[in-house]
């Protein structure tokens, strides 16, 4: 019995209790109203619910009295061993061992599908993340978004969403001008411009452009040379960014060029749509969007008096373009310096007649700091003044890097201890989870040799306390995935896996899957093999949502 199964049974019992008091016509019960929680003290049962306290006032009875009615109906279920009332009206529920244990077989049978749901079915979601300008290697902030964004995409897909990963490719503007100037200076042997980009990568890109162009550079004046290095340098830099992201396990479905939003007419269409809705006005020769109507601190210029579009015009055109492409939800992951961006964007969404934080959702991430030997890591040999994706992967590997970047809420500044991430101890969270999976695989190999198989399965045999705890943890996985998708918080999956690894290790220390030498193989051994393999499956599925491998040997 999963938590979903028990929720369904609880809803039926609540309705029966209300019906007995003649209240079913006035009080509606939906399963979303019911909350099941794991008691901190497992002696209090497998699950606990405060449902009686939520409905008692609406029915006009004491919470404990309503709880007694609900518990009495629950206890009549063959899947429930006991339902007890505690405190002011909590219901503690203990399942029959067979009802809990049958989950092990279900998980093995479902394989990769276990944990996947349908809460986001039919929702077309555009997830835009990283979107680093092609002026240099991806720095740590972008690396965090690469790991979190890709994991979030996987979680949203596991919840049934139709997810498109999108990279907004900004190859114009002042930053690109400075990048091109830096390449030209490196090519000519000149010092880096005062506002230019330093680091060894500038010289590397400049050399590659020059080798590819050959004699075509001869005789070019400075503006022509600047344009050639801009075009070819951006292409090379962006190609490197794509390759590094791919090696990090992150690929995109769409690379959207900034020019597209203007060339496609999306900006003009957006302005006309907003004008028709009464939110555009002209003042001082410029075109404005009246965002103060929707809570912004000031109205926003879309087109300057000289006819030049502002950055905000691109925002409204890009948002409209996404909506016209059929996306119900547009999620954009932004850096810590974009907090002031939220108000104007949500005002823009509301001006279009859409719902802020639904049709457009902005996730703001905080900084990442690296520590080695107890000291901050600040400099990159290649990039000069930033720590890059390559630096992190070279230090700890892809798996450890991704896991470390995902396992904490993006709302918090993240400090990564490089020494910890390469240690082979349970203090290293990625090692502890991967090792638990490798241990389940070792048990499988040894079980095969000992003749312990899936031949028999008797869930009623799984009565040891560590087995009940492990089954309880396995039951939680679908709920954790759904919650991570709903809250846009993939770190919840990582923290769950760490808890599950601990539950498995305690079970492993207490319950043998392989008989001792000279002992016969019993149905209990076979049944425990199912539980071991179910845990292996959930660990593997969970690590897959984080883009982290599940090794069979370590």
Protein backbone atom coordinates (compact mmCIF):
# COMPACT_ATOMS: atom_id res chain seq x y z
CA UNK A 1 0.00 0.00 0.00
CA UNK A 2 1.43 3.37 -1.03
CA UNK A 3 0.63 6.69 0.58
CA UNK A 4 -1.70 7.34 -2.36
CA UNK A 5 -3.53 4.07 -1.69
CA UNK A 6 -3.85 4.91 1.99
CA UNK A 7 -5.06 8.44 1.18
CA UNK A 8 -7.81 6.91 -0.94
CA UNK A 9 -8.78 4.56 1.91
CA UNK A 10 -8.68 7.45 4.42
CA UNK A 11 -10.95 9.56 2.23
CA UNK A 12 -13.44 6.70 2.12
CA UNK A 13 -13.35 6.41 5.92
CA UNK A 14 -13.81 10.16 6.37
CA UNK A 15 -16.85 10.11 4.10
CA UNK A 16 -18.26 7.15 6.03
CA UNK A 17 -17.80 9.00 9.33
CA UNK A 18 -19.44 12.14 7.96
CA UNK A 19 -22.26 10.13 6.46
CA UNK A 20 -22.95 8.53 9.84
CA UNK A 21 -23.39 12.06 11.23
CA UNK A 22 -25.52 13.20 8.30
CA UNK A 23 -22.95 15.69 7.06
CA UNK A 24 -21.98 14.37 3.63
CA UNK A 25 -24.40 16.73 1.88
CA UNK A 26 -22.80 19.83 3.41
CA UNK A 27 -19.11 18.86 3.59
CA UNK A 28 -17.14 17.84 0.52
CA UNK A 29 -14.12 15.59 0.98
CA UNK A 30 -11.37 15.47 -1.62
CA UNK A 31 -8.13 13.57 -1.35
CA UNK A 32 -6.20 16.82 -1.65
CA UNK A 33 -7.73 17.80 1.73
CA UNK A 34 -6.05 14.85 3.43
CA UNK A 35 -2.51 15.03 4.75
CA UNK A 36 -0.55 11.94 5.74
CA UNK A 37 2.69 12.30 7.65
CA UNK A 38 5.32 9.93 8.96
CA UNK A 39 5.33 9.95 12.80
CA UNK A 40 8.71 10.95 14.21
CA UNK A 41 8.37 8.02 16.60
CA UNK A 42 7.67 4.91 14.52
CA UNK A 43 6.16 3.27 17.60
CA UNK A 44 3.19 5.55 16.93
CA UNK A 45 2.50 3.79 13.62
CA UNK A 46 3.36 3.99 9.95
CA UNK A 47 1.32 7.12 9.21
CA UNK A 48 -0.45 9.93 11.04
CA UNK A 49 -3.25 12.27 9.95
CA UNK A 50 -4.87 15.38 11.42
CA UNK A 51 -7.92 15.04 9.18
CA UNK A 52 -10.39 14.91 12.10
CA UNK A 53 -9.20 18.28 13.40
CA UNK A 54 -9.62 19.79 9.94
CA UNK A 55 -13.24 18.66 9.55
CA UNK A 56 -14.57 18.59 13.14
CA UNK A 57 -15.52 22.26 13.35
CA UNK A 58 -17.37 22.10 10.03
CA UNK A 59 -19.33 19.11 11.31
CA UNK A 60 -19.90 20.53 14.80
CA UNK A 61 -18.32 17.73 16.83
CA UNK A 62 -15.23 17.34 19.00
CA UNK A 63 -12.12 16.38 16.97
CA UNK A 64 -11.47 13.27 19.08
CA UNK A 65 -15.02 12.05 18.54
CA UNK A 66 -14.75 12.44 14.77
CA UNK A 67 -11.28 10.87 14.87
CA UNK A 68 -12.71 7.83 16.68
CA UNK A 69 -15.36 7.40 13.98
CA UNK A 70 -12.77 7.64 11.19
CA UNK A 71 -10.32 5.33 12.98
CA UNK A 72 -13.05 2.74 13.51
CA UNK A 73 -13.80 2.60 9.81
CA UNK A 74 -10.11 2.51 8.90
CA UNK A 75 -9.44 -0.38 11.26
CA UNK A 76 -12.01 -2.47 9.39
CA UNK A 77 -9.77 -2.43 6.31
CA UNK A 78 -7.84 -5.70 5.86
CA UNK A 79 -4.77 -3.61 4.99
CA UNK A 80 -4.77 -1.72 8.31
CA UNK A 81 -3.58 -3.44 11.48
CA UNK A 82 -4.55 -0.59 13.82
CA UNK A 83 -5.89 2.97 13.77
CA UNK A 84 -5.54 4.78 17.09
CA UNK A 85 -6.61 8.24 18.25
CA UNK A 86 -3.96 10.34 19.96
CA UNK A 87 -3.79 13.80 21.49
CA UNK A 88 -6.47 16.29 20.45
CA UNK A 89 -7.56 14.16 17.49
CA UNK A 90 -4.61 12.73 15.55
CA UNK A 91 -5.12 9.35 13.92
CA UNK A 92 -2.09 7.03 14.01
CA UNK A 93 -2.27 4.27 11.42
CA UNK A 94 -0.34 1.00 11.46
CA UNK A 95 -0.48 -1.11 8.32
CA UNK A 96 -0.52 -4.87 8.11
CA UNK A 97 2.99 -6.09 7.24
CA UNK A 98 1.74 -7.67 4.02
CA UNK A 99 0.09 -4.40 2.99
CA UNK A 100 3.36 -2.52 3.42
CA UNK A 101 5.60 -5.28 2.10
CA UNK A 102 3.78 -5.76 -1.20
CA UNK A 103 5.28 -2.44 -2.27
CA UNK A 104 8.67 -4.12 -2.77
CA UNK A 105 7.36 -6.27 -5.60
CA UNK A 106 5.49 -3.36 -7.14
CA UNK A 107 8.63 -1.24 -7.26
CA UNK A 108 10.66 -3.98 -8.92
CA UNK A 109 7.88 -4.67 -11.41
CA UNK A 110 7.51 -0.98 -12.31
CA UNK A 111 11.24 -0.43 -12.75
CA UNK A 112 12.04 2.99 -14.23
CA UNK A 113 8.37 4.00 -14.02
CA UNK A 114 8.26 3.92 -10.21
CA UNK A 115 8.16 7.47 -8.90
CA UNK A 116 6.75 8.95 -12.07
CA UNK A 117 3.35 10.64 -11.87
CA UNK A 118 0.78 12.66 -13.78
CA UNK A 119 0.34 15.81 -11.70
CA UNK A 120 1.72 17.93 -14.58
CA UNK A 121 0.23 15.90 -17.41
CA UNK A 122 -0.85 18.08 -20.31
CA UNK A 123 1.26 21.06 -19.16
CA UNK A 124 3.68 22.42 -21.76
CA UNK A 125 6.61 23.91 -19.85
CA UNK A 126 9.43 26.04 -21.22
CA UNK A 127 12.43 25.94 -18.89
CA UNK A 128 15.11 28.50 -19.67
CA UNK A 129 18.37 28.19 -17.78
CA UNK A 130 22.12 28.92 -17.95
CA UNK A 131 21.84 31.32 -20.96
CA UNK A 132 25.40 32.56 -20.30
CA UNK A 133 26.69 35.11 -22.78
CA UNK A 134 29.29 33.55 -25.11
CA UNK A 135 32.11 35.74 -23.81
CA UNK A 136 33.97 33.12 -21.78
CA UNK A 137 33.79 29.74 -20.03
CA UNK A 138 30.77 29.08 -17.82
CA UNK A 139 31.41 30.36 -14.29
CA UNK A 140 30.21 28.73 -11.08
CA UNK A 141 26.87 30.55 -11.00
CA UNK A 142 26.08 29.24 -14.48
CA UNK A 143 27.29 25.78 -13.51
CA UNK A 144 24.87 25.72 -10.57
CA UNK A 145 22.00 26.60 -12.89
CA UNK A 146 23.14 23.95 -15.37
CA UNK A 147 22.94 21.24 -12.70
CA UNK A 148 19.77 22.52 -11.03
CA UNK A 149 18.03 23.37 -14.30
CA UNK A 150 18.64 20.00 -15.90
CA UNK A 151 17.57 18.20 -12.71
CA UNK A 152 14.44 20.33 -12.49
CA UNK A 153 13.62 19.46 -16.10
CA UNK A 154 13.94 15.76 -15.26
CA UNK A 155 11.73 16.15 -12.17
CA UNK A 156 9.07 18.07 -14.10
CA UNK A 157 9.07 15.37 -16.77
CA UNK A 158 8.77 12.68 -14.10
CA UNK A 159 5.63 14.48 -12.89
CA UNK A 160 4.17 14.27 -16.40
CA UNK A 161 5.13 17.70 -17.73
CA UNK A 162 6.09 18.26 -21.36
CA UNK A 163 9.37 20.12 -20.84
CA UNK A 164 11.43 22.06 -23.37
CA UNK A 165 14.92 23.03 -22.24
CA UNK A 166 15.79 26.43 -23.74
CA UNK A 167 19.00 28.48 -23.89
CA UNK A 168 18.67 32.19 -24.63
CA UNK A 169 21.63 33.00 -26.86
CA UNK A 170 22.66 36.64 -26.48
CA UNK A 171 25.32 37.32 -29.12
CA UNK A 172 24.94 41.12 -29.28
CA UNK A 173 25.48 44.15 -27.07
CA UNK A 174 28.29 45.76 -25.12
CA UNK A 175 29.59 42.52 -23.60
CA UNK A 176 30.07 40.99 -27.03
CA UNK A 177 31.80 44.19 -28.21
CA UNK A 178 34.27 43.92 -25.31
CA UNK A 179 34.79 40.22 -26.05
CA UNK A 180 35.61 40.95 -29.71
CA UNK A 181 37.96 43.80 -28.73
CA UNK A 182 39.76 41.48 -26.34
CA UNK A 183 40.23 38.87 -29.09
CA UNK A 184 41.60 41.46 -31.52
CA UNK A 185 44.01 42.79 -28.90
CA UNK A 186 45.25 39.27 -28.15
CA UNK A 187 45.69 38.60 -31.88
CA UNK A 188 47.72 41.79 -32.34
CA UNK A 189 49.79 41.26 -29.20
CA UNK A 190 48.27 44.28 -27.49
CA UNK A 191 47.36 44.57 -23.78
CA UNK A 192 43.85 43.54 -22.80
CA UNK A 193 41.50 46.55 -23.15
CA UNK A 194 40.69 48.23 -19.85
CA UNK A 195 37.10 46.93 -19.90
CA UNK A 196 37.96 43.72 -21.78
CA UNK A 197 38.16 40.06 -20.85
CA UNK A 198 41.34 38.48 -19.52
CA UNK A 199 42.39 34.88 -19.05
CA UNK A 200 44.19 32.36 -21.19
CA UNK A 201 41.03 31.38 -23.04
CA UNK A 202 41.00 34.75 -24.89
CA UNK A 203 44.37 33.99 -26.43
CA UNK A 204 43.27 30.44 -27.27
CA UNK A 205 40.12 31.61 -29.06
CA UNK A 206 42.02 34.35 -30.89
CA UNK A 207 44.58 31.84 -32.15
CA UNK A 208 41.85 29.48 -33.37
CA UNK A 209 40.08 32.30 -35.23
CA UNK A 210 43.35 33.39 -36.83
CA UNK A 211 44.31 29.85 -37.87
CA UNK A 212 40.92 29.24 -39.46
CA UNK A 213 40.84 32.59 -41.28
CA UNK A 214 44.44 32.48 -42.46
CA UNK A 215 45.25 35.03 -45.14
CA UNK A 216 41.69 36.38 -45.03
CA UNK A 217 42.75 38.58 -42.12
CA UNK A 218 45.50 40.27 -44.13
CA UNK A 219 44.76 43.89 -44.91
CA UNK A 220 41.62 44.13 -42.79
CA UNK A 221 41.23 47.44 -41.01
CA UNK A 222 40.40 47.55 -37.30
CA UNK A 223 36.57 47.63 -37.67
CA UNK A 224 36.64 44.74 -40.18
CA UNK A 225 39.03 42.78 -37.96
CA UNK A 226 36.75 43.43 -34.98
CA UNK A 227 33.71 42.15 -36.88
CA UNK A 228 35.53 39.00 -38.08
CA UNK A 229 36.75 38.15 -34.58
CA UNK A 230 33.28 38.89 -33.20
CA UNK A 231 31.57 36.51 -35.62
CA UNK A 232 34.06 33.65 -35.47
CA UNK A 233 34.99 34.14 -31.81
CA UNK A 234 31.40 34.01 -30.62
CA UNK A 235 30.76 30.88 -32.68
CA UNK A 236 33.83 29.14 -31.25
CA UNK A 237 33.11 30.24 -27.68
CA UNK A 238 29.51 29.15 -27.85
CA UNK A 239 30.49 25.84 -29.42
CA UNK A 240 32.82 25.26 -26.48
CA UNK A 241 30.07 26.16 -24.01
CA UNK A 242 27.70 23.66 -25.65
CA UNK A 243 30.35 20.94 -25.62
CA UNK A 244 31.23 21.50 -21.96
CA UNK A 245 27.56 21.44 -20.99
CA UNK A 246 27.06 18.22 -22.95
CA UNK A 247 29.98 16.62 -21.11
CA UNK A 248 28.30 17.78 -17.89
CA UNK A 249 25.16 15.91 -18.93
CA UNK A 250 23.19 19.01 -19.93
CA UNK A 251 21.69 19.38 -23.40
CA UNK A 252 19.10 21.82 -24.71
CA UNK A 253 16.15 21.40 -27.04
CA UNK A 254 16.14 25.02 -28.24
CA UNK A 255 18.84 27.66 -28.66
CA UNK A 256 16.95 30.90 -29.04
CA UNK A 257 18.91 33.78 -30.61
CA UNK A 258 18.23 37.25 -29.25
CA UNK A 259 17.81 38.66 -32.76
CA UNK A 260 14.91 36.29 -33.41
CA UNK A 261 12.54 38.11 -31.09
CA UNK A 262 12.97 41.32 -33.13
CA UNK A 263 13.30 39.78 -36.60
CA UNK A 264 10.19 37.62 -36.15
CA UNK A 265 8.03 40.64 -35.35
CA UNK A 266 7.31 39.33 -31.84
CA UNK A 267 8.22 42.68 -30.26
CA UNK A 268 5.90 44.61 -32.57
CA UNK A 269 3.10 42.09 -31.98
CA UNK A 270 3.59 42.31 -28.22
CA UNK A 271 3.41 46.11 -28.24
CA UNK A 272 0.27 46.07 -30.36
CA UNK A 273 -1.32 43.42 -28.12
CA UNK A 274 -0.58 45.51 -25.04
CA UNK A 275 -1.78 48.65 -26.82
CA UNK A 276 -5.09 46.96 -27.59
CA UNK A 277 -5.36 46.05 -23.91
CA UNK A 278 -4.89 49.71 -22.98
CA UNK A 279 -1.48 49.45 -21.31
CA UNK A 280 0.73 51.30 -23.83
CA UNK A 281 1.17 55.08 -23.84
CA UNK A 282 3.43 57.62 -25.56
CA UNK A 283 5.40 60.25 -23.65
CA UNK A 284 8.48 62.35 -24.43
CA UNK A 285 8.65 60.75 -27.88
CA UNK A 286 9.03 57.25 -26.36
CA UNK A 287 6.71 54.25 -26.13
CA UNK A 288 5.96 53.09 -22.58
CA UNK A 289 4.33 50.11 -20.86
CA UNK A 290 2.23 51.18 -17.87
CA UNK A 291 3.48 48.53 -15.43
CA UNK A 292 2.63 50.61 -12.34
CA UNK A 293 -0.97 49.49 -12.86
CA UNK A 294 0.21 46.05 -11.82
CA UNK A 295 2.42 46.94 -8.87
CA UNK A 296 5.73 47.85 -10.54
CA UNK A 297 7.62 50.76 -8.97
CA UNK A 298 7.70 52.73 -12.25
CA UNK A 299 6.47 52.48 -15.83
CA UNK A 300 8.88 50.98 -18.36
CA UNK A 301 10.17 52.38 -21.66
CA UNK A 302 9.83 49.93 -24.55
CA UNK A 303 11.05 52.11 -27.43
CA UNK A 304 13.26 55.13 -26.82
CA UNK A 305 12.62 58.50 -28.44
CA UNK A 306 15.36 57.73 -30.99
CA UNK A 307 13.50 54.61 -32.11
CA UNK A 308 15.85 52.16 -30.36
CA UNK A 309 14.12 49.31 -28.50
CA UNK A 310 15.01 48.77 -24.85
CA UNK A 311 15.85 45.48 -23.20
CA UNK A 312 12.31 45.40 -21.82
CA UNK A 313 10.93 45.34 -25.36
CA UNK A 314 12.85 42.13 -25.93
CA UNK A 315 11.38 40.72 -22.71
CA UNK A 316 7.79 41.31 -23.79
CA UNK A 317 8.47 39.96 -27.28
CA UNK A 318 10.25 36.88 -25.96
CA UNK A 319 7.48 36.13 -23.47
CA UNK A 320 4.83 36.49 -26.17
CA UNK A 321 6.86 34.27 -28.48
CA UNK A 322 6.96 31.52 -25.86
CA UNK A 323 3.24 31.76 -25.26
CA UNK A 324 2.58 31.68 -29.01
CA UNK A 325 4.69 28.53 -29.21
CA UNK A 326 2.13 26.92 -26.93
CA UNK A 327 3.85 26.94 -23.54
CA UNK A 328 1.51 27.04 -20.55
CA UNK A 329 4.31 27.75 -18.09
CA UNK A 330 7.52 29.68 -18.77
CA UNK A 331 10.19 29.17 -16.11
CA UNK A 332 13.31 31.33 -16.18
CA UNK A 333 16.25 30.69 -13.88
CA UNK A 334 18.17 33.88 -13.06
CA UNK A 335 21.24 34.86 -11.08
CA UNK A 336 21.34 36.50 -7.66
CA UNK A 337 21.66 39.97 -9.20
CA UNK A 338 18.21 39.79 -10.81
CA UNK A 339 15.95 40.34 -7.78
CA UNK A 340 14.97 43.77 -9.10
CA UNK A 341 13.84 42.14 -12.31
CA UNK A 342 10.93 40.26 -10.79
CA UNK A 343 8.42 43.10 -10.25
CA UNK A 344 8.53 44.45 -13.80
CA UNK A 345 8.32 40.97 -15.34
CA UNK A 346 5.31 39.96 -13.29
CA UNK A 347 3.65 43.28 -14.11
CA UNK A 348 4.26 42.55 -17.79
CA UNK A 349 2.65 39.11 -17.44
CA UNK A 350 -0.42 40.58 -15.78
CA UNK A 351 -0.63 43.26 -18.46
CA UNK A 352 -0.96 40.47 -21.04
CA UNK A 353 -3.86 39.06 -19.02
CA UNK A 354 -1.85 36.09 -17.77
CA UNK A 355 -1.25 34.94 -14.22
CA UNK A 356 2.00 35.95 -12.51
CA UNK A 357 3.99 33.08 -10.98
CA UNK A 358 1.97 30.63 -13.06
CA UNK A 359 2.38 31.49 -16.72
CA UNK A 360 5.75 33.02 -15.88
CA UNK A 361 7.88 31.82 -12.98
CA UNK A 362 11.23 33.34 -12.05
CA UNK A 363 13.68 31.36 -9.94
CA UNK A 364 16.52 33.37 -8.40
CA UNK A 365 19.69 31.48 -7.48
CA UNK A 366 22.37 32.46 -4.99
CA UNK A 367 26.14 32.34 -5.25
CA UNK A 368 28.46 29.33 -5.03
CA UNK A 369 31.73 29.37 -3.07
CA UNK A 370 34.40 26.70 -3.30
CA UNK A 371 36.63 25.71 -0.40
CA UNK A 372 39.78 23.56 -0.50
CA UNK A 373 42.08 22.88 2.44
CA UNK A 374 39.85 25.21 4.41
CA UNK A 375 40.53 28.16 2.13
CA UNK A 376 38.36 29.79 -0.56
CA UNK A 377 39.11 28.83 -4.18
CA UNK A 378 38.94 32.03 -6.21
CA UNK A 379 41.01 31.90 -9.38
CA UNK A 380 40.99 29.90 -12.58
CA UNK A 381 44.22 29.48 -14.54
CA UNK A 382 42.33 29.51 -17.80
CA UNK A 383 39.65 32.12 -17.16
CA UNK A 384 41.78 34.43 -15.06
CA UNK A 385 39.33 35.80 -12.53
CA UNK A 386 36.55 33.20 -12.26
CA UNK A 387 36.13 29.55 -11.33
CA UNK A 388 34.70 27.61 -14.27
CA UNK A 389 32.82 24.41 -15.04
CA UNK A 390 36.09 22.75 -16.03
CA UNK A 391 37.73 23.76 -12.75
CA UNK A 392 34.96 22.13 -10.70
CA UNK A 393 34.75 18.96 -12.80
CA UNK A 394 38.54 18.56 -12.82
CA UNK A 395 38.50 18.80 -9.03
CA UNK A 396 35.69 16.38 -8.15
CA UNK A 397 34.19 14.83 -11.31
CA UNK A 398 30.80 15.28 -12.97
CA UNK A 399 28.74 13.18 -10.54
CA UNK A 400 30.02 14.85 -7.38
CA UNK A 401 29.79 18.30 -8.97
CA UNK A 402 26.19 17.85 -10.11
CA UNK A 403 25.08 16.32 -6.84
CA UNK A 404 26.73 19.01 -4.71
CA UNK A 405 25.19 21.80 -6.78
CA UNK A 406 21.68 20.31 -6.64
CA UNK A 407 21.38 19.10 -3.04
CA UNK A 408 20.78 22.55 -1.50
CA UNK A 409 17.97 25.03 -2.06
CA UNK A 410 18.89 27.61 -4.69
CA UNK A 411 17.67 30.29 -2.28
CA UNK A 412 20.78 29.78 -0.17
CA UNK A 413 24.41 30.62 -0.85
CA UNK A 414 26.19 27.32 -1.43
CA UNK A 415 29.61 26.44 -0.07
CA UNK A 416 31.22 23.36 -1.62
CA UNK A 417 34.05 21.62 0.21
CA UNK A 418 36.17 20.07 -2.55
CA UNK A 419 38.07 17.87 -0.09
CA UNK A 420 34.81 16.40 1.22
CA UNK A 421 33.50 15.65 -2.27
CA UNK A 422 36.47 13.46 -3.16
CA UNK A 423 36.45 11.60 0.16
CA UNK A 424 35.19 8.03 0.31
CA UNK A 425 33.23 8.36 3.54
CA UNK A 426 29.59 8.63 4.49
CA UNK A 427 30.20 12.30 5.30
CA UNK A 428 30.34 12.79 1.54
CA UNK A 429 26.65 12.78 0.54
CA UNK A 430 27.10 11.72 -3.09
CA UNK A 431 29.45 8.92 -2.06
CA UNK A 432 27.01 7.66 0.59
CA UNK A 433 24.12 7.46 -1.89
CA UNK A 434 26.16 5.94 -4.71
CA UNK A 435 27.77 3.47 -2.31
CA UNK A 436 24.34 2.37 -1.09
CA UNK A 437 23.36 1.63 -4.69
CA UNK A 438 26.62 -0.23 -5.30
CA UNK A 439 25.90 -2.27 -2.16
CA UNK A 440 22.43 -3.25 -3.47
CA UNK A 441 24.11 -4.38 -6.69
CA UNK A 442 26.65 -6.46 -4.77
CA UNK A 443 23.79 -8.10 -2.87
CA UNK A 444 22.12 -8.91 -6.19
CA UNK A 445 25.29 -10.54 -7.54
CA UNK A 446 25.85 -12.56 -4.38
CA UNK A 447 22.18 -13.54 -4.25
CA UNK A 448 22.36 -14.88 -7.80
CA UNK A 449 25.32 -17.05 -6.84
CA UNK A 450 23.54 -18.30 -3.70
CA UNK A 451 20.31 -19.13 -5.53
CA UNK A 452 18.31 -16.34 -3.87
CA UNK A 453 15.94 -15.10 -6.55
CA UNK A 454 12.51 -13.64 -7.18
CA UNK A 455 11.03 -17.13 -7.04
CA UNK A 456 9.00 -16.52 -3.89
CA UNK A 457 7.51 -13.39 -2.40
CA UNK A 458 5.66 -13.31 0.91
CA UNK A 459 5.33 -9.67 2.06
CA UNK A 460 3.96 -10.76 5.44
CA UNK A 461 7.49 -11.96 6.29
CA UNK A 462 8.91 -8.41 6.25
CA UNK A 463 8.31 -7.72 9.94
CA UNK A 464 11.69 -6.52 11.21
CA UNK A 465 11.69 -2.91 12.37
CA UNK A 466 14.32 -1.91 9.82
CA UNK A 467 12.23 -3.51 7.09
CA UNK A 468 9.18 -1.48 8.07
CA UNK A 469 11.29 1.67 8.11
CA UNK A 470 12.85 0.92 4.73
CA UNK A 471 9.47 0.17 3.16
CA UNK A 472 8.17 3.41 4.62
CA UNK A 473 11.02 5.27 2.96
CA UNK A 474 10.41 3.58 -0.39
CA UNK A 475 6.75 4.55 -0.22
CA UNK A 476 7.74 8.20 -0.01
CA UNK A 477 9.55 8.41 -3.35
CA UNK A 478 6.55 9.23 -5.60
CA UNK A 479 5.41 11.91 -3.16
CA UNK A 480 8.90 13.42 -2.98
CA UNK A 481 9.13 13.61 -6.77
CA UNK A 482 5.69 15.22 -7.03
CA UNK A 483 6.57 17.70 -4.29
CA UNK A 484 9.92 18.56 -5.90
CA UNK A 485 8.11 19.23 -9.19
CA UNK A 486 5.35 21.29 -7.59
CA UNK A 487 7.77 23.46 -5.58
CA UNK A 488 10.47 23.56 -8.31
CA UNK A 489 12.94 22.18 -5.77
CA UNK A 490 14.97 19.21 -7.06
CA UNK A 491 17.15 19.33 -3.96
CA UNK A 492 14.34 17.48 -2.17
CA UNK A 493 15.18 14.38 -4.21
CA UNK A 494 18.83 14.49 -3.12
CA UNK A 495 17.97 14.85 0.56
CA UNK A 496 15.47 12.00 0.26
CA UNK A 497 18.09 9.72 -1.31
CA UNK A 498 20.47 10.40 1.56
CA UNK A 499 17.80 9.38 4.07
CA UNK A 500 16.94 6.30 2.02
CA UNK A 501 20.60 5.27 1.88
CA UNK A 502 20.72 5.45 5.67
CA UNK A 503 17.56 3.34 6.01
CA UNK A 504 18.98 0.74 3.63
CA UNK A 505 22.30 0.53 5.44
CA UNK A 506 20.56 -0.05 8.78
CA UNK A 507 18.44 -2.80 7.18
CA UNK A 508 21.53 -4.34 5.56
CA UNK A 509 23.24 -4.49 8.96
CA UNK A 510 20.28 -6.31 10.55
CA UNK A 511 18.63 -8.47 7.89
CA UNK A 512 20.38 -11.06 5.76
CA UNK A 513 19.43 -11.62 2.14
CA UNK A 514 22.04 -14.36 1.68
CA UNK A 515 21.85 -17.39 3.98
CA UNK A 516 24.89 -18.24 6.06
CA UNK A 517 27.08 -21.11 4.93
CA UNK A 518 25.24 -24.39 5.27
CA UNK A 519 21.85 -22.74 5.74
CA UNK A 520 19.03 -23.37 3.26
CA UNK A 521 17.47 -20.64 1.12
CA UNK A 522 14.06 -19.80 2.58
CA UNK A 523 11.09 -17.74 1.39
CA UNK A 524 12.33 -14.98 3.72
CA UNK A 525 15.60 -14.75 1.78
CA UNK A 526 13.72 -14.57 -1.51
CA UNK A 527 11.38 -11.92 -0.14
CA UNK A 528 14.25 -9.84 1.16
CA UNK A 529 15.82 -10.05 -2.29
CA UNK A 530 12.74 -8.22 -3.59
CA UNK A 531 13.21 -5.53 -0.93
CA UNK A 532 16.89 -5.14 -1.78
CA UNK A 533 16.15 -4.84 -5.47
CA UNK A 534 13.33 -2.38 -4.85
CA UNK A 535 15.73 -0.15 -2.95
CA UNK A 536 18.25 -0.44 -5.76
CA UNK A 537 15.57 0.64 -8.21
CA UNK A 538 14.53 3.70 -6.21
CA UNK A 539 18.13 4.81 -5.62
CA UNK A 540 18.83 4.46 -9.34
CA UNK A 541 15.66 6.31 -10.34
CA UNK A 542 16.37 9.10 -7.87
CA UNK A 543 19.98 9.55 -8.97
CA UNK A 544 18.75 9.61 -12.56
CA UNK A 545 16.54 12.59 -11.73
CA UNK A 546 19.68 14.41 -10.59
CA UNK A 547 21.67 13.41 -13.66
CA UNK A 548 24.03 11.38 -11.47
CA UNK A 549 25.16 7.84 -12.25
CA UNK A 550 24.22 4.82 -10.13
CA UNK A 551 27.40 2.69 -10.08
CA UNK A 552 27.18 -1.03 -9.51
CA UNK A 553 30.70 -1.23 -8.08
CA UNK A 554 32.76 1.28 -6.08
